[in-house]
Amino acid sequence: MEKESKAVSVEGIMKKFGSKTVLNNVTFTVQKGSIHGLIGHNGAGKTTLFRIILGLLNPDKGFVKIFGVDPKRDLSIKSKIGYVSEYLAFYSQLTVRENLIRFGYLRGVNDCEKVVEDLIGRFELSEVANMKFAKLSMGTKQRVAIARAMMNDPKLLILDEFLANIDPVWRHKIKETLKDLKKDGVTTLVSTHILADVEELCDHVTIIRMGEILYDGGLDDLYLKTGLRNLVAKINTNDNAKACQILAYAGAARAEDGALIIPVGSEEEVSTLVQALVDNKLSVYEARVLKPSLEEVYSRLHGVR
């Protein structure tokens, strides 16, 4: 097992519910020590696929291996996995602390109460630790779920829409935590429909639509394949007409809403454009790169298949 380079192997997974095909010949791998993004809208099949990977649901065809092991034949492999479901399952009338302690004992976590206190501190849950789970905000509930997934010191984290309802500060903190875990050799498989999160976190992406894999590979290859690497900056100033003249050399044009739209080769180029405007005594109110939407990626992938 130690020589196995793949944390997760999914091979030929088929799954139907009645006459509806939910997963159709899904195949991909997740490399050890990577952050791997599974991208798709709600209903694409991501949660069903996660349930199959976790051994909570049987596929009609195909197989899954985790660190080279069939999780149905070696149940001990599940002790290496932490999971955050899209649908949070906690005891609503127990406190945050009681929920975590109960889960820790169920998972056989050593020195459970100390681990719980460490996680309460790490995820800044001290103020709500004695509050009943039902009374928490959705964002706080999600933080508790992520803390719970960390209790058994997992080697593989599976996170289903894990940043849903999280405020911007904690989105940043949790993403930084995942980057730190990667340095420690932890593998993370995340599902999301937000491409910006994928760009920041993931080494590799698998795009799924209506139960089928549209793309499996690196982000650079994805953008090369779809032609979406060509970035566009949007800039607003106190005088967009003058700004458009100043940045004419960069191909600036006016959008319907009056903003400047400028092709750029990288996000770093935006700061150069902003500096040119500031040097000409303009005030810049907005300057950002417009990211491609998941719909754009879908349509481009369909166009090149």
Foldseek 3Di string as FASTA:
>chain_A
DVPQQFQKWWFQFWADDVPATQAGGDTDTFTWLFEEEEADDPSLNVQVVVCQQLVNDPTPDTAMAGSNHGCVVPVVLNLQEFEFHPDDDFDQAFFLLVRLLVLCVVSVQPPRNVLSVVLCVLLVVVVRRRPGNNPDDPQVNLSSSVSSSPRSVHLEYEYEQSCPPHDPVVVVVVLVVVVVVSVVRRYYYYYDQDVVSCVVGGQWYWYTGSNYTLDTGGPVVLCVQLVQLFKKKKWDWPDLVVLCVQCVVQVWDADPVGITIGTDNDFVVQVVSVVSCVVVVIGIDDIDIDHDGSVSSVVSSVVRD
